[in-house]
mmCIF file of all heavy atoms, coordinates in Angstrom:
data_MODEL
# 
_entry.id   MODEL 
# 
loop_
_atom_site.group_PDB 
_atom_site.id 
_atom_site.type_symbol 
_atom_site.label_atom_id 
_atom_site.label_alt_id 
_atom_site.label_comp_id 
_atom_site.label_asym_id 
_atom_site.label_entity_id 
_atom_site.label_seq_id 
_atom_site.pdbx_PDB_ins_code 
_atom_site.Cartn_x 
_atom_site.Cartn_y 
_atom_site.Cartn_z 
_atom_site.occupancy 
_atom_site.B_iso_or_equiv 
_atom_site.pdbx_formal_charge 
_atom_site.auth_seq_id 
_atom_site.auth_comp_id 
_atom_site.auth_asym_id 
_atom_site.auth_atom_id 
_atom_site.pdbx_PDB_model_num 
ATOM 1   N N   . THR A 1 1  ? 111.815 132.697 80.082 1.00 0.00 ? 1  THR A N   1 
ATOM 2   C CA  . THR A 1 1  ? 110.596 132.563 80.894 1.00 0.00 ? 1  THR A CA  1 
ATOM 3   C C   . THR A 1 1  ? 109.374 133.161 80.218 1.00 0.00 ? 1  THR A C   1 
ATOM 4   O O   . THR A 1 1  ? 108.330 133.304 80.860 1.00 0.00 ? 1  THR A O   1 
ATOM 5   C CB  . THR A 1 1  ? 110.791 133.173 82.293 1.00 0.00 ? 1  THR A CB  1 
ATOM 6   O OG1 . THR A 1 1  ? 111.153 134.591 82.149 1.00 0.00 ? 1  THR A OG1 1 
ATOM 7   C CG2 . THR A 1 1  ? 111.868 132.453 83.082 1.00 0.00 ? 1  THR A CG2 1 
ATOM 8   N N   . THR A 1 2  ? 109.505 133.588 79.001 1.00 0.00 ? 2  THR A N   1 
ATOM 9   C CA  . THR A 1 2  ? 108.341 134.100 78.267 1.00 0.00 ? 2  THR A CA  1 
ATOM 10  C C   . THR A 1 2  ? 107.357 132.933 78.117 1.00 0.00 ? 2  THR A C   1 
ATOM 11  O O   . THR A 1 2  ? 107.719 131.775 77.988 1.00 0.00 ? 2  THR A O   1 
ATOM 12  C CB  . THR A 1 2  ? 108.735 134.606 76.845 1.00 0.00 ? 2  THR A CB  1 
ATOM 13  O OG1 . THR A 1 2  ? 109.426 133.554 76.162 1.00 0.00 ? 2  THR A OG1 1 
ATOM 14  C CG2 . THR A 1 2  ? 109.594 135.819 76.961 1.00 0.00 ? 2  THR A CG2 1 
ATOM 15  N N   . PRO A 1 3  ? 106.039 133.246 78.161 1.00 0.00 ? 3  PRO A N   1 
ATOM 16  C CA  . PRO A 1 3  ? 105.028 132.159 78.166 1.00 0.00 ? 3  PRO A CA  1 
ATOM 17  C C   . PRO A 1 3  ? 105.157 131.171 76.989 1.00 0.00 ? 3  PRO A C   1 
ATOM 18  O O   . PRO A 1 3  ? 104.971 129.976 77.168 1.00 0.00 ? 3  PRO A O   1 
ATOM 19  C CB  . PRO A 1 3  ? 103.710 132.944 78.100 1.00 0.00 ? 3  PRO A CB  1 
ATOM 20  C CG  . PRO A 1 3  ? 104.020 134.215 78.817 1.00 0.00 ? 3  PRO A CG  1 
ATOM 21  C CD  . PRO A 1 3  ? 105.429 134.530 78.443 1.00 0.00 ? 3  PRO A CD  1 
ATOM 22  N N   . VAL A 1 4  ? 105.463 131.706 75.813 1.00 0.00 ? 4  VAL A N   1 
ATOM 23  C CA  . VAL A 1 4  ? 105.545 130.825 74.658 1.00 0.00 ? 4  VAL A CA  1 
ATOM 24  C C   . VAL A 1 4  ? 106.627 129.797 74.810 1.00 0.00 ? 4  VAL A C   1 
ATOM 25  O O   . VAL A 1 4  ? 106.386 128.580 74.633 1.00 0.00 ? 4  VAL A O   1 
ATOM 26  C CB  . VAL A 1 4  ? 105.755 131.661 73.350 1.00 0.00 ? 4  VAL A CB  1 
ATOM 27  C CG1 . VAL A 1 4  ? 106.084 130.692 72.210 1.00 0.00 ? 4  VAL A CG1 1 
ATOM 28  C CG2 . VAL A 1 4  ? 104.538 132.464 73.026 1.00 0.00 ? 4  VAL A CG2 1 
ATOM 29  N N   . PHE A 1 5  ? 107.840 130.232 75.154 1.00 0.00 ? 5  PHE A N   1 
ATOM 30  C CA  . PHE A 1 5  ? 108.934 129.281 75.268 1.00 0.00 ? 5  PHE A CA  1 
ATOM 31  C C   . PHE A 1 5  ? 108.821 128.412 76.513 1.00 0.00 ? 5  PHE A C   1 
ATOM 32  O O   . PHE A 1 5  ? 108.949 127.167 76.452 1.00 0.00 ? 5  PHE A O   1 
ATOM 33  C CB  . PHE A 1 5  ? 110.271 130.051 75.289 1.00 0.00 ? 5  PHE A CB  1 
ATOM 34  C CG  . PHE A 1 5  ? 111.467 129.141 75.441 1.00 0.00 ? 5  PHE A CG  1 
ATOM 35  C CD1 . PHE A 1 5  ? 112.003 128.507 74.320 1.00 0.00 ? 5  PHE A CD1 1 
ATOM 36  C CD2 . PHE A 1 5  ? 112.074 128.912 76.669 1.00 0.00 ? 5  PHE A CD2 1 
ATOM 37  C CE1 . PHE A 1 5  ? 113.093 127.673 74.436 1.00 0.00 ? 5  PHE A CE1 1 
ATOM 38  C CE2 . PHE A 1 5  ? 113.170 128.080 76.814 1.00 0.00 ? 5  PHE A CE2 1 
ATOM 39  C CZ  . PHE A 1 5  ? 113.667 127.425 75.696 1.00 0.00 ? 5  PHE A CZ  1 
ATOM 40  N N   . PHE A 1 6  ? 108.579 129.046 77.655 1.00 0.00 ? 6  PHE A N   1 
ATOM 41  C CA  . PHE A 1 6  ? 108.544 128.310 78.933 1.00 0.00 ? 6  PHE A CA  1 
ATOM 42  C C   . PHE A 1 6  ? 107.439 127.245 78.949 1.00 0.00 ? 6  PHE A C   1 
ATOM 43  O O   . PHE A 1 6  ? 107.688 126.082 79.302 1.00 0.00 ? 6  PHE A O   1 
ATOM 44  C CB  . PHE A 1 6  ? 108.373 129.277 80.090 1.00 0.00 ? 6  PHE A CB  1 
ATOM 45  C CG  . PHE A 1 6  ? 108.536 128.660 81.423 1.00 0.00 ? 6  PHE A CG  1 
ATOM 46  C CD1 . PHE A 1 6  ? 109.769 128.618 82.074 1.00 0.00 ? 6  PHE A CD1 1 
ATOM 47  C CD2 . PHE A 1 6  ? 107.439 128.127 82.109 1.00 0.00 ? 6  PHE A CD2 1 
ATOM 48  C CE1 . PHE A 1 6  ? 109.921 128.061 83.338 1.00 0.00 ? 6  PHE A CE1 1 
ATOM 49  C CE2 . PHE A 1 6  ? 107.570 127.548 83.354 1.00 0.00 ? 6  PHE A CE2 1 
ATOM 50  C CZ  . PHE A 1 6  ? 108.804 127.527 83.977 1.00 0.00 ? 6  PHE A CZ  1 
ATOM 51  N N   . SER A 1 7  ? 106.243 127.667 78.592 1.00 0.00 ? 7  SER A N   1 
ATOM 52  C CA  . SER A 1 7  ? 105.112 126.718 78.634 1.00 0.00 ? 7  SER A CA  1 
ATOM 53  C C   . SER A 1 7  ? 105.273 125.642 77.564 1.00 0.00 ? 7  SER A C   1 
ATOM 54  O O   . SER A 1 7  ? 104.958 124.460 77.828 1.00 0.00 ? 7  SER A O   1 
ATOM 55  C CB  . SER A 1 7  ? 103.792 127.455 78.429 1.00 0.00 ? 7  SER A CB  1 
ATOM 56  O OG  . SER A 1 7  ? 103.769 128.175 77.206 1.00 0.00 ? 7  SER A OG  1 
ATOM 57  N N   . MET A 1 8  ? 105.783 125.988 76.382 1.00 0.00 ? 8  MET A N   1 
ATOM 58  C CA  . MET A 1 8  ? 106.003 124.985 75.339 1.00 0.00 ? 8  MET A CA  1 
ATOM 59  C C   . MET A 1 8  ? 106.996 123.945 75.813 1.00 0.00 ? 8  MET A C   1 
ATOM 60  O O   . MET A 1 8  ? 106.740 122.734 75.646 1.00 0.00 ? 8  MET A O   1 
ATOM 61  C CB  . MET A 1 8  ? 106.504 125.661 74.061 1.00 0.00 ? 8  MET A CB  1 
ATOM 62  C CG  . MET A 1 8  ? 106.806 124.686 72.919 1.00 0.00 ? 8  MET A CG  1 
ATOM 63  S SD  . MET A 1 8  ? 107.327 125.549 71.415 1.00 0.00 ? 8  MET A SD  1 
ATOM 64  C CE  . MET A 1 8  ? 108.884 126.278 71.982 1.00 0.00 ? 8  MET A CE  1 
ATOM 65  N N   . ALA A 1 9  ? 108.106 124.375 76.393 1.00 0.00 ? 9  ALA A N   1 
ATOM 66  C CA  . ALA A 1 9  ? 109.138 123.460 76.874 1.00 0.00 ? 9  ALA A CA  1 
ATOM 67  C C   . ALA A 1 9  ? 108.575 122.557 77.976 1.00 0.00 ? 9  ALA A C   1 
ATOM 68  O O   . ALA A 1 9  ? 108.811 121.348 77.993 1.00 0.00 ? 9  ALA A O   1 
ATOM 69  C CB  . ALA A 1 9  ? 110.357 124.194 77.354 1.00 0.00 ? 9  ALA A CB  1 
ATOM 70  N N   . LEU A 1 10 ? 107.803 123.154 78.862 1.00 0.00 ? 10 LEU A N   1 
ATOM 71  C CA  . LEU A 1 10 ? 107.243 122.396 79.990 1.00 0.00 ? 10 LEU A CA  1 
ATOM 72  C C   . LEU A 1 10 ? 106.243 121.349 79.488 1.00 0.00 ? 10 LEU A C   1 
ATOM 73  O O   . LEU A 1 10 ? 106.276 120.185 79.960 1.00 0.00 ? 10 LEU A O   1 
ATOM 74  C CB  . LEU A 1 10 ? 106.569 123.337 80.988 1.00 0.00 ? 10 LEU A CB  1 
ATOM 75  C CG  . LEU A 1 10 ? 105.982 122.703 82.249 1.00 0.00 ? 10 LEU A CG  1 
ATOM 76  C CD1 . LEU A 1 10 ? 107.028 121.977 83.034 1.00 0.00 ? 10 LEU A CD1 1 
ATOM 77  C CD2 . LEU A 1 10 ? 105.319 123.792 83.089 1.00 0.00 ? 10 LEU A CD2 1 
ATOM 78  N N   . ILE A 1 11 ? 105.390 121.730 78.537 1.00 0.00 ? 11 ILE A N   1 
ATOM 79  C CA  . ILE A 1 11 ? 104.399 120.796 78.012 1.00 0.00 ? 11 ILE A CA  1 
ATOM 80  C C   . ILE A 1 11 ? 105.097 119.617 77.287 1.00 0.00 ? 11 ILE A C   1 
ATOM 81  O O   . ILE A 1 11 ? 104.703 118.458 77.471 1.00 0.00 ? 11 ILE A O   1 
ATOM 82  C CB  . ILE A 1 11 ? 103.459 121.508 77.073 1.00 0.00 ? 11 ILE A CB  1 
ATOM 83  C CG1 . ILE A 1 11 ? 102.546 122.482 77.864 1.00 0.00 ? 11 ILE A CG1 1 
ATOM 84  C CG2 . ILE A 1 11 ? 102.575 120.525 76.264 1.00 0.00 ? 11 ILE A CG2 1 
ATOM 85  C CD1 . ILE A 1 11 ? 101.743 123.429 76.954 1.00 0.00 ? 11 ILE A CD1 1 
ATOM 86  N N   . ILE A 1 12 ? 106.105 119.927 76.491 1.00 0.00 ? 12 ILE A N   1 
ATOM 87  C CA  . ILE A 1 12 ? 106.822 118.855 75.804 1.00 0.00 ? 12 ILE A CA  1 
ATOM 88  C C   . ILE A 1 12 ? 107.449 117.869 76.766 1.00 0.00 ? 12 ILE A C   1 
ATOM 89  O O   . ILE A 1 12 ? 107.369 116.643 76.610 1.00 0.00 ? 12 ILE A O   1 
ATOM 90  C CB  . ILE A 1 12 ? 107.910 119.471 74.883 1.00 0.00 ? 12 ILE A CB  1 
ATOM 91  C CG1 . ILE A 1 12 ? 107.234 120.210 73.706 1.00 0.00 ? 12 ILE A CG1 1 
ATOM 92  C CG2 . ILE A 1 12 ? 108.833 118.378 74.351 1.00 0.00 ? 12 ILE A CG2 1 
ATOM 93  C CD1 . ILE A 1 12 ? 108.216 120.969 72.823 1.00 0.00 ? 12 ILE A CD1 1 
ATOM 94  N N   . ILE A 1 13 ? 108.059 118.394 77.830 1.00 0.00 ? 13 ILE A N   1 
ATOM 95  C CA  . ILE A 1 13 ? 108.713 117.526 78.817 1.00 0.00 ? 13 ILE A CA  1 
ATOM 96  C C   . ILE A 1 13 ? 107.700 116.637 79.499 1.00 0.00 ? 13 ILE A C   1 
ATOM 97  O O   . ILE A 1 13 ? 107.927 115.423 79.628 1.00 0.00 ? 13 ILE A O   1 
ATOM 98  C CB  . ILE A 1 13 ? 109.459 118.375 79.867 1.00 0.00 ? 13 ILE A CB  1 
ATOM 99  C CG1 . ILE A 1 13 ? 110.670 119.072 79.197 1.00 0.00 ? 13 ILE A CG1 1 
ATOM 100 C CG2 . ILE A 1 13 ? 109.937 117.507 81.041 1.00 0.00 ? 13 ILE A CG2 1 
ATOM 101 C CD1 . ILE A 1 13 ? 111.359 120.067 80.103 1.00 0.00 ? 13 ILE A CD1 1 
ATOM 102 N N   . VAL A 1 14 ? 106.572 117.231 79.885 1.00 0.00 ? 14 VAL A N   1 
ATOM 103 C CA  . VAL A 1 14 ? 105.537 116.441 80.609 1.00 0.00 ? 14 VAL A CA  1 
ATOM 104 C C   . VAL A 1 14 ? 104.945 115.360 79.670 1.00 0.00 ? 14 VAL A C   1 
ATOM 105 O O   . VAL A 1 14 ? 104.719 114.231 80.073 1.00 0.00 ? 14 VAL A O   1 
ATOM 106 C CB  . VAL A 1 14 ? 104.409 117.334 81.119 1.00 0.00 ? 14 VAL A CB  1 
ATOM 107 C CG1 . VAL A 1 14 ? 103.284 116.480 81.709 1.00 0.00 ? 14 VAL A CG1 1 
ATOM 108 C CG2 . VAL A 1 14 ? 104.996 118.279 82.214 1.00 0.00 ? 14 VAL A CG2 1 
ATOM 109 N N   . LEU A 1 15 ? 104.691 115.750 78.413 1.00 0.00 ? 15 LEU A N   1 
ATOM 110 C CA  . LEU A 1 15 ? 104.165 114.752 77.452 1.00 0.00 ? 15 LEU A CA  1 
ATOM 111 C C   . LEU A 1 15 ? 105.130 113.611 77.241 1.00 0.00 ? 15 LEU A C   1 
ATOM 112 O O   . LEU A 1 15 ? 104.704 112.423 77.136 1.00 0.00 ? 15 LEU A O   1 
ATOM 113 C CB  . LEU A 1 15 ? 103.831 115.437 76.111 1.00 0.00 ? 15 LEU A CB  1 
ATOM 114 C CG  . LEU A 1 15 ? 102.660 116.414 76.132 1.00 0.00 ? 15 LEU A CG  1 
ATOM 115 C CD1 . LEU A 1 15 ? 102.442 117.044 74.760 1.00 0.00 ? 15 LEU A CD1 1 
ATOM 116 C CD2 . LEU A 1 15 ? 101.371 115.761 76.629 1.00 0.00 ? 15 LEU A CD2 1 
ATOM 117 N N   . LEU A 1 16 ? 106.417 113.911 77.120 1.00 0.00 ? 16 LEU A N   1 
ATOM 118 C CA  . LEU A 1 16 ? 107.388 112.845 76.934 1.00 0.00 ? 16 LEU A CA  1 
ATOM 119 C C   . LEU A 1 16 ? 107.502 111.954 78.159 1.00 0.00 ? 16 LEU A C   1 
ATOM 120 O O   . LEU A 1 16 ? 107.594 110.718 77.993 1.00 0.00 ? 16 LEU A O   1 
ATOM 121 C CB  . LEU A 1 16 ? 108.806 113.488 76.665 1.00 0.00 ? 16 LEU A CB  1 
ATOM 122 C CG  . LEU A 1 16 ? 108.954 114.173 75.284 1.00 0.00 ? 16 LEU A CG  1 
ATOM 123 C CD1 . LEU A 1 16 ? 110.315 114.870 75.212 1.00 0.00 ? 16 LEU A CD1 1 
ATOM 124 C CD2 . LEU A 1 16 ? 108.824 113.166 74.134 1.00 0.00 ? 16 LEU A CD2 1 
ATOM 125 N N   . LEU A 1 17 ? 107.473 112.539 79.336 1.00 0.00 ? 17 LEU A N   1 
ATOM 126 C CA  . LEU A 1 17 ? 107.561 111.739 80.544 1.00 0.00 ? 17 LEU A CA  1 
ATOM 127 C C   . LEU A 1 17 ? 106.302 110.866 80.798 1.00 0.00 ? 17 LEU A C   1 
ATOM 128 O O   . LEU A 1 17 ? 106.378 109.786 81.324 1.00 0.00 ? 17 LEU A O   1 
ATOM 129 C CB  . LEU A 1 17 ? 107.809 112.632 81.764 1.00 0.00 ? 17 LEU A CB  1 
ATOM 130 C CG  . LEU A 1 17 ? 109.181 113.343 81.800 1.00 0.00 ? 17 LEU A CG  1 
ATOM 131 C CD1 . LEU A 1 17 ? 109.236 114.288 82.999 1.00 0.00 ? 17 LEU A CD1 1 
ATOM 132 C CD2 . LEU A 1 17 ? 110.304 112.344 81.862 1.00 0.00 ? 17 LEU A CD2 1 
ATOM 133 N N   . SER A 1 18 ? 105.165 111.424 80.395 1.00 0.00 ? 18 SER A N   1 
ATOM 134 C CA  . SER A 1 18 ? 103.881 110.693 80.626 1.00 0.00 ? 18 SER A CA  1 
ATOM 135 C C   . SER A 1 18 ? 103.546 109.721 79.516 1.00 0.00 ? 18 SER A C   1 
ATOM 136 O O   . SER A 1 18 ? 102.690 108.855 79.697 1.00 0.00 ? 18 SER A O   1 
ATOM 137 C CB  . SER A 1 18 ? 102.737 111.718 80.747 1.00 0.00 ? 18 SER A CB  1 
ATOM 138 O OG  . SER A 1 18 ? 102.551 112.403 79.527 1.00 0.00 ? 18 SER A OG  1 
ATOM 139 N N   . GLY A 1 19 ? 104.244 109.797 78.404 1.00 0.00 ? 19 GLY A N   1 
ATOM 140 C CA  . GLY A 1 19 ? 104.006 108.902 77.262 1.00 0.00 ? 19 GLY A CA  1 
ATOM 141 C C   . GLY A 1 19 ? 102.825 109.288 76.437 1.00 0.00 ? 19 GLY A C   1 
ATOM 142 O O   . GLY A 1 19 ? 102.381 108.492 75.560 1.00 0.00 ? 19 GLY A O   1 
ATOM 143 N N   . ILE A 1 20 ? 102.258 110.458 76.623 1.00 0.00 ? 20 ILE A N   1 
ATOM 144 C CA  . ILE A 1 20 ? 101.133 110.916 75.786 1.00 0.00 ? 20 ILE A CA  1 
ATOM 145 C C   . ILE A 1 20 ? 101.675 111.361 74.421 1.00 0.00 ? 20 ILE A C   1 
ATOM 146 O O   . ILE A 1 20 ? 102.584 112.192 74.370 1.00 0.00 ? 20 ILE A O   1 
ATOM 147 C CB  . ILE A 1 20 ? 100.398 112.097 76.454 1.00 0.00 ? 20 ILE A CB  1 
ATOM 148 C CG1 . ILE A 1 20 ? 99.782  111.631 77.775 1.00 0.00 ? 20 ILE A CG1 1 
ATOM 149 C CG2 . ILE A 1 20 ? 99.320  112.631 75.541 1.00 0.00 ? 20 ILE A CG2 1 
ATOM 150 C CD1 . ILE A 1 20 ? 99.099  112.747 78.529 1.00 0.00 ? 20 ILE A CD1 1 
ATOM 151 N N   . THR A 1 21 ? 101.145 110.816 73.348 1.00 0.00 ? 21 THR A N   1 
ATOM 152 C CA  . THR A 1 21 ? 101.610 111.147 72.009 1.00 0.00 ? 21 THR A CA  1 
ATOM 153 C C   . THR A 1 21 ? 100.976 112.427 71.499 1.00 0.00 ? 21 THR A C   1 
ATOM 154 O O   . THR A 1 21 ? 99.975  112.914 72.083 1.00 0.00 ? 21 THR A O   1 
ATOM 155 C CB  . THR A 1 21 ? 101.261 110.009 71.034 1.00 0.00 ? 21 THR A CB  1 
ATOM 156 O OG1 . THR A 1 21 ? 99.855  109.909 70.923 1.00 0.00 ? 21 THR A OG1 1 
ATOM 157 C CG2 . THR A 1 21 ? 101.841 108.671 71.537 1.00 0.00 ? 21 THR A CG2 1 
ATOM 158 N N   . PHE A 1 22 ? 101.537 112.965 70.419 1.00 0.00 ? 22 PHE A N   1 
ATOM 159 C CA  . PHE A 1 22 ? 100.984 114.194 69.848 1.00 0.00 ? 22 PHE A CA  1 
ATOM 160 C C   . PHE A 1 22 ? 99.550  113.931 69.333 1.00 0.00 ? 22 PHE A C   1 
ATOM 161 O O   . PHE A 1 22 ? 98.709  114.810 69.382 1.00 0.00 ? 22 PHE A O   1 
ATOM 162 C CB  . PHE A 1 22 ? 101.845 114.684 68.686 1.00 0.00 ? 22 PHE A CB  1 
ATOM 163 C CG  . PHE A 1 22 ? 101.369 115.929 68.041 1.00 0.00 ? 22 PHE A CG  1 
ATOM 164 C CD1 . PHE A 1 22 ? 101.495 117.147 68.653 1.00 0.00 ? 22 PHE A CD1 1 
ATOM 165 C CD2 . PHE A 1 22 ? 100.706 115.886 66.812 1.00 0.00 ? 22 PHE A CD2 1 
ATOM 166 C CE1 . PHE A 1 22 ? 101.017 118.316 68.082 1.00 0.00 ? 22 PHE A CE1 1 
ATOM 167 C CE2 . PHE A 1 22 ? 100.236 117.028 66.221 1.00 0.00 ? 22 PHE A CE2 1 
ATOM 168 C CZ  . PHE A 1 22 ? 100.397 118.249 66.848 1.00 0.00 ? 22 PHE A CZ  1 
ATOM 169 N N   . GLU A 1 23 ? 99.299  112.747 68.803 1.00 0.00 ? 23 GLU A N   1 
ATOM 170 C CA  . GLU A 1 23 ? 97.982  112.379 68.285 1.00 0.00 ? 23 GLU A CA  1 
ATOM 171 C C   . GLU A 1 23 ? 96.998  112.407 69.479 1.00 0.00 ? 23 GLU A C   1 
ATOM 172 O O   . GLU A 1 23 ? 95.831  112.829 69.311 1.00 0.00 ? 23 GLU A O   1 
ATOM 173 C CB  . GLU A 1 23 ? 98.000  110.990 67.626 1.00 0.00 ? 23 GLU A CB  1 
ATOM 174 C CG  . GLU A 1 23 ? 98.692  110.960 66.277 1.00 0.00 ? 23 GLU A CG  1 
ATOM 175 C CD  . GLU A 1 23 ? 100.192 111.083 66.385 1.00 0.00 ? 23 GLU A CD  1 
ATOM 176 O OE1 . GLU A 1 23 ? 100.750 110.802 67.482 1.00 0.00 ? 23 GLU A OE1 1 
ATOM 177 O OE2 . GLU A 1 23 ? 100.836 111.478 65.403 1.00 0.00 ? 23 GLU A OE2 1 
ATOM 178 N N   . GLN A 1 24 ? 97.367  111.889 70.607 1.00 0.00 ? 24 GLN A N   1 
ATOM 179 C CA  . GLN A 1 24 ? 96.499  111.925 71.783 1.00 0.00 ? 24 GLN A CA  1 
ATOM 180 C C   . GLN A 1 24 ? 96.257  113.349 72.316 1.00 0.00 ? 24 GLN A C   1 
ATOM 181 O O   . GLN A 1 24 ? 95.184  113.646 72.853 1.00 0.00 ? 24 GLN A O   1 
ATOM 182 C CB  . GLN A 1 24 ? 97.057  111.046 72.889 1.00 0.00 ? 24 GLN A CB  1 
ATOM 183 C CG  . GLN A 1 24 ? 97.065  109.550 72.571 1.00 0.00 ? 24 GLN A CG  1 
ATOM 184 C CD  . GLN A 1 24 ? 97.761  108.719 73.662 1.00 0.00 ? 24 GLN A CD  1 
ATOM 185 O OE1 . GLN A 1 24 ? 98.886  109.014 74.048 1.00 0.00 ? 24 GLN A OE1 1 
ATOM 186 N NE2 . GLN A 1 24 ? 97.129  107.653 74.092 1.00 0.00 ? 24 GLN A NE2 1 
ATOM 187 N N   . TYR A 1 25 ? 97.268  114.173 72.170 1.00 0.00 ? 25 TYR A N   1 
ATOM 188 C CA  . TYR A 1 25 ? 97.161  115.591 72.588 1.00 0.00 ? 25 TYR A CA  1 
ATOM 189 C C   . TYR A 1 25 ? 96.315  116.409 71.608 1.00 0.00 ? 25 TYR A C   1 
ATOM 190 O O   . TYR A 1 25 ? 95.812  117.437 71.951 1.00 0.00 ? 25 TYR A O   1 
ATOM 191 C CB  . TYR A 1 25 ? 98.569  116.165 72.714 1.00 0.00 ? 25 TYR A CB  1 
ATOM 192 C CG  . TYR A 1 25 ? 98.607  117.586 73.167 1.00 0.00 ? 25 TYR A CG  1 
ATOM 193 C CD1 . TYR A 1 25 ? 98.458  117.964 74.488 1.00 0.00 ? 25 TYR A CD1 1 
ATOM 194 C CD2 . TYR A 1 25 ? 98.810  118.631 72.247 1.00 0.00 ? 25 TYR A CD2 1 
ATOM 195 C CE1 . TYR A 1 25 ? 98.531  119.265 74.919 1.00 0.00 ? 25 TYR A CE1 1 
ATOM 196 C CE2 . TYR A 1 25 ? 98.877  119.954 72.640 1.00 0.00 ? 25 TYR A CE2 1 
ATOM 197 C CZ  . TYR A 1 25 ? 98.722  120.294 73.946 1.00 0.00 ? 25 TYR A CZ  1 
ATOM 198 O OH  . TYR A 1 25 ? 98.752  121.576 74.378 1.00 0.00 ? 25 TYR A OH  1 
ATOM 199 N N   . GLY A 1 26 ? 96.172  115.874 70.364 1.00 0.00 ? 26 GLY A N   1 
ATOM 200 C CA  . GLY A 1 26 ? 95.522  116.607 69.302 1.00 0.00 ? 26 GLY A CA  1 
ATOM 201 C C   . GLY A 1 26 ? 94.090  117.134 69.656 1.00 0.00 ? 26 GLY A C   1 
ATOM 202 O O   . GLY A 1 26 ? 93.832  118.311 69.372 1.00 0.00 ? 26 GLY A O   1 
# 
């Protein structure tokens, strides 16, 4: 639950589910 791991995992999951690519997140 440390911010680095927890927030990173949450952001990756949301981006995958929403279909936003890394280039769009750039």
